[in-house]
Amino acid sequence: MSEYTSKEIAKLACEALADKKADDIKVIDISEVSSLADYFVIAGGMNRNQVQAMADNVEETLGKKLSLSAKQVEGYTTANWILMDYRDVVIHIFDQENRRFYDLARIWRDGKDVAVEEL
């Protein structure tokens, strides 16, 4: 993928989300429970504009600092759940209603919660 670790990618993504005032950023290490990725980063936004701004900032930050682009981005237009696939790091940006409804942190509770500060 690149010379950067998945941990470094997750950390930069969290910083980019925090820059746009993301609500309740969660990082889950799923490396031992799934082959999908090493980390899920989950964040919330208040409305469609904020959710899109968060996704834009992640894309810009990872592109500029690490020369990475997402393998796939889904849900940008509706912006109730944007999924950004950076291979070993999958970023989920939700509006409030969909974050509560899908509750990925509960679904992936077998993963290990990682404090953003520990990245």
PDB file of N, CA and C in Angstrom:
ATOM      1  N   MET A   1       0.835  -1.192   0.000  1.00  0.00           N
ATOM      2  CA  MET A   1       0.000   0.000   0.000  1.00  0.00           C
ATOM      3  C   MET A   1       0.872   1.246   0.000  1.00  0.00           C
ATOM      4  N   SER A   2       1.684   1.410   1.006  1.00  0.00           N
ATOM      5  CA  SER A   2       2.590   2.551   1.081  1.00  0.00           C
ATOM      6  C   SER A   2       3.610   2.256   2.152  1.00  0.00           C
ATOM      7  N   GLU A   3       4.506   3.206   2.377  1.00  0.00           N
ATOM      8  CA  GLU A   3       5.494   3.002   3.432  1.00  0.00           C
ATOM      9  C   GLU A   3       4.942   3.367   4.800  1.00  0.00           C
ATOM     10  N   TYR A   4       3.703   3.799   4.863  1.00  0.00           N
ATOM     11  CA  TYR A   4       3.090   4.211   6.121  1.00  0.00           C
ATOM     12  C   TYR A   4       2.321   3.051   6.740  1.00  0.00           C
ATOM     13  N   THR A   5       2.334   3.019   8.064  1.00  0.00           N
ATOM     14  CA  THR A   5       1.602   1.953   8.746  1.00  0.00           C
ATOM     15  C   THR A   5       0.121   2.310   8.827  1.00  0.00           C
ATOM     16  N   SER A   6      -0.685   1.292   9.037  1.00  0.00           N
ATOM     17  CA  SER A   6      -2.118   1.535   9.183  1.00  0.00           C
ATOM     18  C   SER A   6      -2.384   2.410  10.411  1.00  0.00           C
ATOM     19  N   LYS A   7      -1.551   2.278  11.425  1.00  0.00           N
ATOM     20  CA  LYS A   7      -1.698   3.104  12.626  1.00  0.00           C
ATOM     21  C   LYS A   7      -1.480   4.583  12.294  1.00  0.00           C
ATOM     22  N   GLU A   8      -0.463   4.879  11.483  1.00  0.00           N
ATOM     23  CA  GLU A   8      -0.200   6.265  11.080  1.00  0.00           C
ATOM     24  C   GLU A   8      -1.350   6.818  10.228  1.00  0.00           C
ATOM     25  N   ILE A   9      -1.898   5.981   9.370  1.00  0.00           N
ATOM     26  CA  ILE A   9      -3.027   6.409   8.524  1.00  0.00           C
ATOM     27  C   ILE A   9      -4.239   6.708   9.406  1.00  0.00           C
ATOM     28  N   ALA A  10      -4.520   5.834  10.362  1.00  0.00           N
ATOM     29  CA  ALA A  10      -5.650   6.041  11.273  1.00  0.00           C
ATOM     30  C   ALA A  10      -5.466   7.318  12.085  1.00  0.00           C
ATOM     31  N   LYS A  11      -4.252   7.563  12.547  1.00  0.00           N
ATOM     32  CA  LYS A  11      -3.973   8.774  13.348  1.00  0.00           C
ATOM     33  C   LYS A  11      -4.228  10.035  12.526  1.00  0.00           C
ATOM     34  N   LEU A  12      -3.709  10.070  11.309  1.00  0.00           N
ATOM     35  CA  LEU A  12      -3.921  11.246  10.453  1.00  0.00           C
ATOM     36  C   LEU A  12      -5.394  11.433  10.111  1.00  0.00           C
ATOM     37  N   ALA A  13      -6.091  10.338   9.867  1.00  0.00           N
ATOM     38  CA  ALA A  13      -7.522  10.415   9.578  1.00  0.00           C
ATOM     39  C   ALA A  13      -8.261  11.010  10.773  1.00  0.00           C
ATOM     40  N   CYS A  14      -7.912  10.577  11.982  1.00  0.00           N
ATOM     41  CA  CYS A  14      -8.548  11.112  13.193  1.00  0.00           C
ATOM     42  C   CYS A  14      -8.284  12.604  13.339  1.00  0.00           C
ATOM     43  N   GLU A  15      -7.063  13.014  13.044  1.00  0.00           N
ATOM     44  CA  GLU A  15      -6.727  14.444  13.116  1.00  0.00           C
ATOM     45  C   GLU A  15      -7.552  15.235  12.108  1.00  0.00           C
ATOM     46  N   ALA A  16      -7.695  14.695  10.903  1.00  0.00           N
ATOM     47  CA  ALA A  16      -8.477  15.372   9.860  1.00  0.00           C
ATOM     48  C   ALA A  16      -9.945  15.472  10.267  1.00  0.00           C
ATOM     49  N   LEU A  17     -10.475  14.421  10.882  1.00  0.00           N
ATOM     50  CA  LEU A  17     -11.863  14.437  11.351  1.00  0.00           C
ATOM     51  C   LEU A  17     -12.035  15.451  12.482  1.00  0.00           C
ATOM     52  N   ALA A  18     -11.090  15.465  13.410  1.00  0.00           N
ATOM     53  CA  ALA A  18     -11.159  16.395  14.539  1.00  0.00           C
ATOM     54  C   ALA A  18     -11.095  17.848  14.053  1.00  0.00           C
ATOM     55  N   ASP A  19     -10.326  18.097  13.005  1.00  0.00           N
ATOM     56  CA  ASP A  19     -10.226  19.452  12.433  1.00  0.00           C
ATOM     57  C   ASP A  19     -11.582  19.977  11.983  1.00  0.00           C
ATOM     58  N   LYS A  20     -12.487  19.071  11.622  1.00  0.00           N
ATOM     59  CA  LYS A  20     -13.829  19.464  11.159  1.00  0.00           C
ATOM     60  C   LYS A  20     -14.874  19.219  12.242  1.00  0.00           C
ATOM     61  N   LYS A  21     -14.409  19.161  13.491  1.00  0.00           N
ATOM     62  CA  LYS A  21     -15.301  19.062  14.660  1.00  0.00           C
ATOM     63  C   LYS A  21     -16.134  17.785  14.687  1.00  0.00           C
ATOM     64  N   ALA A  22     -15.512  16.679  14.305  1.00  0.00           N
ATOM     65  CA  ALA A  22     -16.202  15.385  14.342  1.00  0.00           C
ATOM     66  C   ALA A  22     -16.645  15.073  15.762  1.00  0.00           C
ATOM     67  N   ASP A  23     -17.779  14.425  15.870  1.00  0.00           N
ATOM     68  CA  ASP A  23     -18.340  14.046  17.154  1.00  0.00           C
ATOM     69  C   ASP A  23     -17.907  12.622  17.504  1.00  0.00           C
ATOM     70  N   ASP A  24     -17.367  12.446  18.706  1.00  0.00           N
ATOM     71  CA  ASP A  24     -17.110  11.121  19.266  1.00  0.00           C
ATOM     72  C   ASP A  24     -16.337  10.200  18.309  1.00  0.00           C
ATOM     73  N   ILE A  25     -15.082  10.538  18.038  1.00  0.00           N
ATOM     74  CA  ILE A  25     -14.241   9.714  17.159  1.00  0.00           C
ATOM     75  C   ILE A  25     -13.846   8.444  17.912  1.00  0.00           C
ATOM     76  N   LYS A  26     -14.116   7.309  17.291  1.00  0.00           N
ATOM     77  CA  LYS A  26     -13.766   6.007  17.867  1.00  0.00           C
ATOM     78  C   LYS A  26     -12.829   5.286  16.910  1.00  0.00           C
ATOM     79  N   VAL A  27     -11.860   4.603  17.479  1.00  0.00           N
ATOM     80  CA  VAL A  27     -10.959   3.775  16.686  1.00  0.00           C
ATOM     81  C   VAL A  27     -11.046   2.364  17.247  1.00  0.00           C
ATOM     82  N   ILE A  28     -11.280   1.411  16.354  1.00  0.00           N
ATOM     83  CA  ILE A  28     -11.371   0.011  16.761  1.00  0.00           C
ATOM     84  C   ILE A  28     -10.329  -0.782  15.976  1.00  0.00           C
ATOM     85  N   ASP A  29      -9.462  -1.458  16.710  1.00  0.00           N
ATOM     86  CA  ASP A  29      -8.468  -2.337  16.095  1.00  0.00           C
ATOM     87  C   ASP A  29      -9.172  -3.666  15.831  1.00  0.00           C
ATOM     88  N   ILE A  30      -9.389  -3.958  14.550  1.00  0.00           N
ATOM     89  CA  ILE A  30     -10.087  -5.209  14.185  1.00  0.00           C
ATOM     90  C   ILE A  30      -9.132  -6.223  13.566  1.00  0.00           C
ATOM     91  N   SER A  31      -7.833  -5.953  13.644  1.00  0.00           N
ATOM     92  CA  SER A  31      -6.840  -6.796  12.964  1.00  0.00           C
ATOM     93  C   SER A  31      -6.872  -8.254  13.426  1.00  0.00           C
ATOM     94  N   GLU A  32      -7.259  -8.493  14.672  1.00  0.00           N
ATOM     95  CA  GLU A  32      -7.258  -9.872  15.179  1.00  0.00           C
ATOM     96  C   GLU A  32      -8.606 -10.573  15.017  1.00  0.00           C
ATOM     97  N   VAL A  33      -9.631  -9.821  14.579  1.00  0.00           N
ATOM     98  CA  VAL A  33     -10.954 -10.441  14.438  1.00  0.00           C
ATOM     99  C   VAL A  33     -11.475 -10.429  12.999  1.00  0.00           C
ATOM    100  N   SER A  34     -10.751  -9.770  12.098  1.00  0.00           N
ATOM    101  CA  SER A  34     -11.215  -9.694  10.717  1.00  0.00           C
ATOM    102  C   SER A  34     -10.042  -9.461   9.768  1.00  0.00           C
ATOM    103  N   SER A  35     -10.200  -9.952   8.552  1.00  0.00           N
ATOM    104  CA  SER A  35      -9.184  -9.685   7.529  1.00  0.00           C
ATOM    105  C   SER A  35      -9.569  -8.465   6.690  1.00  0.00           C
ATOM    106  N   LEU A  36     -10.696  -7.824   7.013  1.00  0.00           N
ATOM    107  CA  LEU A  36     -11.154  -6.649   6.267  1.00  0.00           C
ATOM    108  C   LEU A  36     -10.166  -5.489   6.341  1.00  0.00           C
ATOM    109  N   ALA A  37      -9.644  -5.244   7.538  1.00  0.00           N
ATOM    110  CA  ALA A  37      -8.785  -4.084   7.752  1.00  0.00           C
ATOM    111  C   ALA A  37      -8.101  -4.241   9.099  1.00  0.00           C
ATOM    112  N   ASP A  38      -7.188  -3.318   9.397  1.00  0.00           N
ATOM    113  CA  ASP A  38      -6.569  -3.278  10.722  1.00  0.00           C
ATOM    114  C   ASP A  38      -7.386  -2.399  11.671  1.00  0.00           C
ATOM    115  N   TYR A  39      -7.881  -1.282  11.128  1.00  0.00           N
ATOM    116  CA  TYR A  39      -8.617  -0.335  11.965  1.00  0.00           C
ATOM    117  C   TYR A  39      -9.900   0.124  11.301  1.00  0.00           C
ATOM    118  N   PHE A  40     -10.917   0.319  12.120  1.00  0.00           N
ATOM    119  CA  PHE A  40     -12.110   1.063  11.746  1.00  0.00           C
ATOM    120  C   PHE A  40     -12.020   2.386  12.500  1.00  0.00           C
ATOM    121  N   VAL A  41     -12.239   3.463  11.801  1.00  0.00           N
ATOM    122  CA  VAL A  41     -12.356   4.776  12.429  1.00  0.00           C
ATOM    123  C   VAL A  41     -13.807   5.195  12.231  1.00  0.00           C
ATOM    124  N   ILE A  42     -14.470   5.535  13.323  1.00  0.00           N
ATOM    125  CA  ILE A  42     -15.889   5.898  13.281  1.00  0.00           C
ATOM    126  C   ILE A  42     -16.048   7.297  13.849  1.00  0.00           C
ATOM    127  N   ALA A  43     -16.771   8.136  13.125  1.00  0.00           N
ATOM    128  CA  ALA A  43     -16.996   9.504  13.598  1.00  0.00           C
ATOM    129  C   ALA A  43     -18.383   9.962  13.187  1.00  0.00           C
ATOM    130  N   GLY A  44     -18.873  10.972  13.884  1.00  0.00           N
ATOM    131  CA  GLY A  44     -20.197  11.494  13.591  1.00  0.00           C
ATOM    132  C   GLY A  44     -20.169  12.967  13.256  1.00  0.00           C
ATOM    133  N   GLY A  45     -21.197  13.370  12.509  1.00  0.00           N
ATOM    134  CA  GLY A  45     -21.372  14.775  12.160  1.00  0.00           C
ATOM    135  C   GLY A  45     -22.811  15.184  12.397  1.00  0.00           C
ATOM    136  N   MET A  46     -23.024  16.473  12.508  1.00  0.00           N
ATOM    137  CA  MET A  46     -24.351  17.003  12.831  1.00  0.00           C
ATOM    138  C   MET A  46     -25.282  17.024  11.621  1.00  0.00           C
ATOM    139  N   ASN A  47     -24.728  17.235  10.424  1.00  0.00           N
ATOM    140  CA  ASN A  47     -25.572  17.372   9.238  1.00  0.00           C
ATOM    141  C   ASN A  47     -24.775  16.968   7.996  1.00  0.00           C
ATOM    142  N   ARG A  48     -25.465  16.951   6.877  1.00  0.00           N
ATOM    143  CA  ARG A  48     -24.874  16.506   5.613  1.00  0.00           C
ATOM    144  C   ARG A  48     -23.616  17.311   5.249  1.00  0.00           C
ATOM    145  N   ASN A  49     -23.676  18.619   5.406  1.00  0.00           N
ATOM    146  CA  ASN A  49     -22.529  19.463   5.055  1.00  0.00           C
ATOM    147  C   ASN A  49     -21.302  19.124   5.896  1.00  0.00           C
ATOM    148  N   GLN A  50     -21.511  18.932   7.198  1.00  0.00           N
ATOM    149  CA  GLN A  50     -20.382  18.602   8.055  1.00  0.00           C
ATOM    150  C   GLN A  50     -19.821  17.222   7.725  1.00  0.00           C
ATOM    151  N   VAL A  51     -20.703  16.257   7.496  1.00  0.00           N
ATOM    152  CA  VAL A  51     -20.258  14.904   7.166  1.00  0.00           C
ATOM    153  C   VAL A  51     -19.423  14.929   5.885  1.00  0.00           C
ATOM    154  N   GLN A  52     -19.873  15.652   4.877  1.00  0.00           N
ATOM    155  CA  GLN A  52     -19.109  15.759   3.634  1.00  0.00           C
ATOM    156  C   GLN A  52     -17.795  16.507   3.849  1.00  0.00           C
ATOM    157  N   ALA A  53     -17.814  17.566   4.656  1.00  0.00           N
ATOM    158  CA  ALA A  53     -16.586  18.322   4.934  1.00  0.00           C
ATOM    159  C   ALA A  53     -15.556  17.442   5.642  1.00  0.00           C
ATOM    160  N   MET A  54     -16.033  16.576   6.535  1.00  0.00           N
ATOM    161  CA  MET A  54     -15.130  15.659   7.221  1.00  0.00           C
ATOM    162  C   MET A  54     -14.491  14.698   6.225  1.00  0.00           C
ATOM    163  N   ALA A  55     -15.303  14.135   5.334  1.00  0.00           N
ATOM    164  CA  ALA A  55     -14.777  13.211   4.318  1.00  0.00           C
ATOM    165  C   ALA A  55     -13.791  13.935   3.400  1.00  0.00           C
ATOM    166  N   ASP A  56     -14.129  15.149   2.990  1.00  0.00           N
ATOM    167  CA  ASP A  56     -13.226  15.932   2.132  1.00  0.00           C
ATOM    168  C   ASP A  56     -11.891  16.165   2.819  1.00  0.00           C
ATOM    169  N   ASN A  57     -11.940  16.476   4.115  1.00  0.00           N
ATOM    170  CA  ASN A  57     -10.708  16.773   4.843  1.00  0.00           C
ATOM    171  C   ASN A  57      -9.843  15.535   5.025  1.00  0.00           C
ATOM    172  N   VAL A  58     -10.472  14.386   5.250  1.00  0.00           N
ATOM    173  CA  VAL A  58      -9.718  13.129   5.343  1.00  0.00           C
ATOM    174  C   VAL A  58      -9.021  12.867   4.008  1.00  0.00           C
ATOM    175  N   GLU A  59      -9.787  12.982   2.930  1.00  0.00           N
ATOM    176  CA  GLU A  59      -9.237  12.728   1.597  1.00  0.00           C
ATOM    177  C   GLU A  59      -8.074  13.673   1.285  1.00  0.00           C
ATOM    178  N   GLU A  60      -8.263  14.948   1.593  1.00  0.00           N
ATOM    179  CA  GLU A  60      -7.218  15.945   1.328  1.00  0.00           C
ATOM    180  C   GLU A  60      -5.981  15.705   2.195  1.00  0.00           C
ATOM    181  N   THR A  61      -6.191  15.436   3.470  1.00  0.00           N
ATOM    182  CA  THR A  61      -5.073  15.231   4.395  1.00  0.00           C
ATOM    183  C   THR A  61      -4.261  13.994   4.031  1.00  0.00           C
ATOM    184  N   LEU A  62      -4.932  12.869   3.811  1.00  0.00           N
ATOM    185  CA  LEU A  62      -4.201  11.640   3.474  1.00  0.00           C
ATOM    186  C   LEU A  62      -3.550  11.753   2.097  1.00  0.00           C
ATOM    187  N   GLY A  63      -4.189  12.480   1.202  1.00  0.00           N
ATOM    188  CA  GLY A  63      -3.604  12.696  -0.125  1.00  0.00           C
ATOM    189  C   GLY A  63      -2.356  13.561  -0.062  1.00  0.00           C
ATOM    190  N   LYS A  64      -2.456  14.664   0.673  1.00  0.00           N
ATOM    191  CA  LYS A  64      -1.328  15.600   0.765  1.00  0.00           C
ATOM    192  C   LYS A  64      -0.159  15.048   1.558  1.00  0.00           C
ATOM    193  N   LYS A  65      -0.446  14.518   2.744  1.00  0.00           N
ATOM    194  CA  LYS A  65       0.618  14.113   3.657  1.00  0.00           C
ATOM    195  C   LYS A  65       1.191  12.735   3.353  1.00  0.00           C
ATOM    196  N   LEU A  66       0.367  11.831   2.826  1.00  0.00           N
ATOM    197  CA  LEU A  66       0.830  10.458   2.601  1.00  0.00           C
ATOM    198  C   LEU A  66       0.730  10.011   1.146  1.00  0.00           C
ATOM    199  N   SER A  67       0.243  10.895   0.274  1.00  0.00           N
ATOM    200  CA  SER A  67       0.021  10.547  -1.136  1.00  0.00           C
ATOM    201  C   SER A  67      -0.882   9.332  -1.284  1.00  0.00           C
ATOM    202  N   LEU A  68      -1.870   9.232  -0.407  1.00  0.00           N
ATOM    203  CA  LEU A  68      -2.818   8.116  -0.459  1.00  0.00           C
ATOM    204  C   LEU A  68      -4.147   8.588  -1.026  1.00  0.00           C
ATOM    205  N   SER A  69      -4.780   7.709  -1.766  1.00  0.00           N
ATOM    206  CA  SER A  69      -6.160   7.982  -2.164  1.00  0.00           C
ATOM    207  C   SER A  69      -6.985   6.755  -1.786  1.00  0.00           C
ATOM    208  N   ALA A  70      -8.247   6.991  -1.520  1.00  0.00           N
ATOM    209  CA  ALA A  70      -9.122   5.905  -1.090  1.00  0.00           C
ATOM    210  C   ALA A  70      -9.299   4.897  -2.220  1.00  0.00           C
ATOM    211  N   LYS A  71      -9.307   3.639  -1.856  1.00  0.00           N
ATOM    212  CA  LYS A  71      -9.601   2.583  -2.826  1.00  0.00           C
ATOM    213  C   LYS A  71     -11.048   2.724  -3.273  1.00  0.00           C
ATOM    214  N   GLN A  72     -11.902   3.135  -2.329  1.00  0.00           N
ATOM    215  CA  GLN A  72     -13.313   3.288  -2.632  1.00  0.00           C
ATOM    216  C   GLN A  72     -13.934   4.251  -1.620  1.00  0.00           C
ATOM    217  N   VAL A  73     -14.880   5.061  -2.114  1.00  0.00           N
ATOM    218  CA  VAL A  73     -15.676   5.934  -1.245  1.00  0.00           C
ATOM    219  C   VAL A  73     -17.137   5.698  -1.609  1.00  0.00           C
ATOM    220  N   GLU A  74     -17.958   5.434  -0.595  1.00  0.00           N
ATOM    221  CA  GLU A  74     -19.384   5.210  -0.838  1.00  0.00           C
ATOM    222  C   GLU A  74     -20.200   6.133   0.045  1.00  0.00           C
ATOM    223  N   GLY A  75     -21.341   6.572  -0.461  1.00  0.00           N
ATOM    224  CA  GLY A  75     -22.288   7.326   0.337  1.00  0.00           C
ATOM    225  C   GLY A  75     -22.069   8.818   0.398  1.00  0.00           C
ATOM    226  N   TYR A  76     -21.126   9.339  -0.390  1.00  0.00           N
ATOM    227  CA  TYR A  76     -20.805  10.759  -0.297  1.00  0.00           C
ATOM    228  C   TYR A  76     -21.997  11.650  -0.649  1.00  0.00           C
ATOM    229  N   THR A  77     -22.728  11.298  -1.673  1.00  0.00           N
ATOM    230  CA  THR A  77     -23.827  12.150  -2.145  1.00  0.00           C
ATOM    231  C   THR A  77     -24.925  12.300  -1.101  1.00  0.00           C
ATOM    232  N   THR A  78     -25.354  11.192  -0.517  1.00  0.00           N
ATOM    233  CA  THR A  78     -26.413  11.278   0.498  1.00  0.00           C
ATOM    234  C   THR A  78     -25.862  11.723   1.845  1.00  0.00           C
ATOM    235  N   ALA A  79     -24.614  11.357   2.125  1.00  0.00           N
ATOM    236  CA  ALA A  79     -23.875  11.795   3.323  1.00  0.00           C
ATOM    237  C   ALA A  79     -24.554  11.429   4.642  1.00  0.00           C
ATOM    238  N   ASN A  80     -25.341  10.341   4.662  1.00  0.00           N
ATOM    239  CA  ASN A  80     -25.816   9.876   5.961  1.00  0.00           C
ATOM    240  C   ASN A  80     -24.859   8.818   6.531  1.00  0.00           C
ATOM    241  N   TRP A  81     -24.090   8.178   5.661  1.00  0.00           N
ATOM    242  CA  TRP A  81     -23.017   7.276   6.070  1.00  0.00           C
ATOM    243  C   TRP A  81     -22.016   7.250   4.920  1.00  0.00           C
ATOM    244  N   ILE A  82     -20.874   7.854   5.148  1.00  0.00           N
ATOM    245  CA  ILE A  82     -19.813   7.817   4.138  1.00  0.00           C
ATOM    246  C   ILE A  82     -18.786   6.786   4.586  1.00  0.00           C
ATOM    247  N   LEU A  83     -18.490   5.861   3.702  1.00  0.00           N
ATOM    248  CA  LEU A  83     -17.481   4.842   3.962  1.00  0.00           C
ATOM    249  C   LEU A  83     -16.287   5.149   3.065  1.00  0.00           C
ATOM    250  N   MET A  84     -15.119   5.250   3.672  1.00  0.00           N
ATOM    251  CA  MET A  84     -13.882   5.526   2.929  1.00  0.00           C
ATOM    252  C   MET A  84     -12.925   4.361   3.169  1.00  0.00           C
ATOM    253  N   ASP A  85     -12.582   3.651   2.112  1.00  0.00           N
ATOM    254  CA  ASP A  85     -11.753   2.449   2.222  1.00  0.00           C
ATOM    255  C   ASP A  85     -10.306   2.788   1.843  1.00  0.00           C
ATOM    256  N   TYR A  86      -9.459   2.837   2.850  1.00  0.00           N
ATOM    257  CA  TYR A  86      -8.022   3.013   2.639  1.00  0.00           C
ATOM    258  C   TYR A  86      -7.304   1.692   2.914  1.00  0.00           C
ATOM    259  N   ARG A  87      -7.871   0.614   2.431  1.00  0.00           N
ATOM    260  CA  ARG A  87      -7.388  -0.755   2.548  1.00  0.00           C
ATOM    261  C   ARG A  87      -7.283  -1.225   4.000  1.00  0.00           C
ATOM    262  N   ASP A  88      -6.220  -0.876   4.702  1.00  0.00           N
ATOM    263  CA  ASP A  88      -6.045  -1.348   6.078  1.00  0.00           C
ATOM    264  C   ASP A  88      -6.767  -0.471   7.105  1.00  0.00           C
ATOM    265  N   VAL A  89      -7.287   0.654   6.646  1.00  0.00           N
ATOM    266  CA  VAL A  89      -8.043   1.563   7.510  1.00  0.00           C
ATOM    267  C   VAL A  89      -9.342   1.909   6.795  1.00  0.00           C
ATOM    268  N   VAL A  90     -10.459   1.607   7.445  1.00  0.00           N
ATOM    269  CA  VAL A  90     -11.763   1.926   6.872  1.00  0.00           C
ATOM    270  C   VAL A  90     -12.396   2.993   7.764  1.00  0.00           C
ATOM    271  N   ILE A  91     -12.781   4.095   7.129  1.00  0.00           N
ATOM    272  CA  ILE A  91     -13.320   5.235   7.862  1.00  0.00           C
ATOM    273  C   ILE A  91     -14.819   5.309   7.605  1.00  0.00           C
ATOM    274  N   HIS A  92     -15.574   5.404   8.696  1.00  0.00           N
ATOM    275  CA  HIS A  92     -17.029   5.490   8.637  1.00  0.00           C
ATOM    276  C   HIS A  92     -17.425   6.845   9.226  1.00  0.00           C
ATOM    277  N   ILE A  93     -18.078   7.668   8.425  1.00  0.00           N
ATOM    278  CA  ILE A  93     -18.537   8.976   8.906  1.00  0.00           C
ATOM    279  C   ILE A  93     -20.059   8.989   8.797  1.00  0.00           C
ATOM    280  N   PHE A  94     -20.714   9.150   9.928  1.00  0.00           N
ATOM    281  CA  PHE A  94     -22.171   9.055  10.008  1.00  0.00           C
ATOM    282  C   PHE A  94     -22.808  10.387  10.392  1.00  0.00           C
ATOM    283  N   ASP A  95     -24.068  10.540   9.987  1.00  0.00           N
ATOM    284  CA  ASP A  95     -24.888  11.558  10.648  1.00  0.00           C
ATOM    285  C   ASP A  95     -25.363  10.919  11.955  1.00  0.00           C
ATOM    286  N   GLN A  96     -25.949  11.703  12.832  1.00  0.00           N
ATOM    287  CA  GLN A  96     -26.310  11.198  14.164  1.00  0.00           C
ATOM    288  C   GLN A  96     -27.293  10.034  14.124  1.00  0.00           C
ATOM    289  N   GLU A  97     -28.330  10.165  13.329  1.00  0.00           N
ATOM    290  CA  GLU A  97     -29.372   9.139  13.283  1.00  0.00           C
ATOM    291  C   GLU A  97     -28.820   7.791  12.811  1.00  0.00           C
ATOM    292  N   ASN A  98     -28.045   7.806  11.746  1.00  0.00           N
ATOM    293  CA  ASN A  98     -27.516   6.552  11.204  1.00  0.00           C
ATOM    294  C   ASN A  98     -26.429   5.956  12.088  1.00  0.00           C
ATOM    295  N   ARG A  99     -25.685   6.798  12.775  1.00  0.00           N
ATOM    296  CA  ARG A  99     -24.679   6.259  13.683  1.00  0.00           C
ATOM    297  C   ARG A  99     -25.353   5.467  14.805  1.00  0.00           C
ATOM    298  N   ARG A 100     -26.417   6.006  15.349  1.00  0.00           N
ATOM    299  CA  ARG A 100     -27.158   5.287  16.400  1.00  0.00           C
ATOM    300  C   ARG A 100     -27.778   3.999  15.835  1.00  0.00           C
ATOM    301  N   PHE A 101     -28.355   4.102  14.650  1.00  0.00           N
ATOM    302  CA  PHE A 101     -29.039   2.965  14.049  1.00  0.00           C
ATOM    303  C   PHE A 101     -28.080   1.800  13.763  1.00  0.00           C
ATOM    304  N   TYR A 102     -26.958   2.082  13.121  1.00  0.00           N
ATOM    305  CA  TYR A 102     -26.040   1.007  12.727  1.00  0.00           C
ATOM    306  C   TYR A 102     -25.118   0.573  13.857  1.00  0.00           C
ATOM    307  N   ASP A 103     -24.789   1.462  14.765  1.00  0.00           N
ATOM    308  CA  ASP A 103     -24.006   1.156  15.965  1.00  0.00           C
ATOM    309  C   ASP A 103     -22.841   0.197  15.694  1.00  0.00           C
ATOM    310  N   LEU A 104     -21.940   0.617  14.815  1.00  0.00           N
ATOM    311  CA  LEU A 104     -20.800  -0.232  14.443  1.00  0.00           C
ATOM    312  C   LEU A 104     -19.914  -0.588  15.630  1.00  0.00           C
ATOM    313  N   ALA A 105     -19.814   0.311  16.593  1.00  0.00           N
ATOM    314  CA  ALA A 105     -18.975   0.017  17.763  1.00  0.00           C
ATOM    315  C   ALA A 105     -19.503  -1.225  18.496  1.00  0.00           C
ATOM    316  N   ARG A 106     -20.825  -1.393  18.533  1.00  0.00           N
ATOM    317  CA  ARG A 106     -21.404  -2.578  19.164  1.00  0.00           C
ATOM    318  C   ARG A 106     -21.174  -3.811  18.297  1.00  0.00           C
ATOM    319  N   ILE A 107     -21.379  -3.668  17.003  1.00  0.00           N
ATOM    320  CA  ILE A 107     -21.222  -4.800  16.090  1.00  0.00           C
ATOM    321  C   ILE A 107     -19.780  -5.322  16.114  1.00  0.00           C
ATOM    322  N   TRP A 108     -18.819  -4.420  16.222  1.00  0.00           N
ATOM    323  CA  TRP A 108     -17.405  -4.794  16.207  1.00  0.00           C
ATOM    324  C   TRP A 108     -16.803  -4.805  17.607  1.00  0.00           C
ATOM    325  N   ARG A 109     -17.605  -5.112  18.612  1.00  0.00           N
ATOM    326  CA  ARG A 109     -17.124  -5.073  19.993  1.00  0.00           C
ATOM    327  C   ARG A 109     -16.033  -6.111  20.272  1.00  0.00           C
ATOM    328  N   ASP A 110     -15.878  -7.108  19.398  1.00  0.00           N
ATOM    329  CA  ASP A 110     -14.789  -8.070  19.563  1.00  0.00           C
ATOM    330  C   ASP A 110     -13.439  -7.449  19.226  1.00  0.00           C
ATOM    331  N   GLY A 111     -13.467  -6.320  18.522  1.00  0.00           N
ATOM    332  CA  GLY A 111     -12.233  -5.586  18.251  1.00  0.00           C
ATOM    333  C   GLY A 111     -11.780  -4.875  19.513  1.00  0.00           C
ATOM    334  N   LYS A 112     -10.611  -4.278  19.443  1.00  0.00           N
ATOM    335  CA  LYS A 112     -10.043  -3.595  20.606  1.00  0.00           C
ATOM    336  C   LYS A 112     -10.181  -2.089  20.427  1.00  0.00           C
ATOM    337  N   ASP A 113     -10.849  -1.430  21.372  1.00  0.00           N
ATOM    338  CA  ASP A 113     -10.935   0.031  21.329  1.00  0.00           C
ATOM    339  C   ASP A 113      -9.546   0.609  21.526  1.00  0.00           C
ATOM    340  N   VAL A 114      -9.229   1.602  20.701  1.00  0.00           N
ATOM    341  CA  VAL A 114      -7.940   2.276  20.792  1.00  0.00           C
ATOM    342  C   VAL A 114      -8.200   3.746  21.016  1.00  0.00           C
ATOM    343  N   ALA A 115      -7.608   4.305  22.054  1.00  0.00           N
ATOM    344  CA  ALA A 115      -7.759   5.745  22.287  1.00  0.00           C
ATOM    345  C   ALA A 115      -7.017   6.482  21.174  1.00  0.00           C
ATOM    346  N   VAL A 116      -7.639   7.541  20.658  1.00  0.00           N
ATOM    347  CA  VAL A 116      -7.022   8.312  19.569  1.00  0.00           C
ATOM    348  C   VAL A 116      -5.626   8.769  19.989  1.00  0.00           C
ATOM    349  N   GLU A 117      -5.465   9.128  21.252  1.00  0.00           N
ATOM    350  CA  GLU A 117      -4.163   9.596  21.760  1.00  0.00           C
ATOM    351  C   GLU A 117      -3.094   8.504  21.709  1.00  0.00           C
ATOM    352  N   GLU A 118      -3.507   7.255  21.653  1.00  0.00           N
ATOM    353  CA  GLU A 118      -2.548   6.135  21.640  1.00  0.00           C
ATOM    354  C   GLU A 118      -2.036   5.808  20.243  1.00  0.00           C
ATOM    355  N   LEU A 119      -2.636   6.409  19.231  1.00  0.00           N
ATOM    356  CA  LEU A 119      -2.210   6.111  17.863  1.00  0.00           C
ATOM    357  C   LEU A 119      -0.837   6.701  17.583  1.00  0.00           C
TER     358      LEU A 119
END
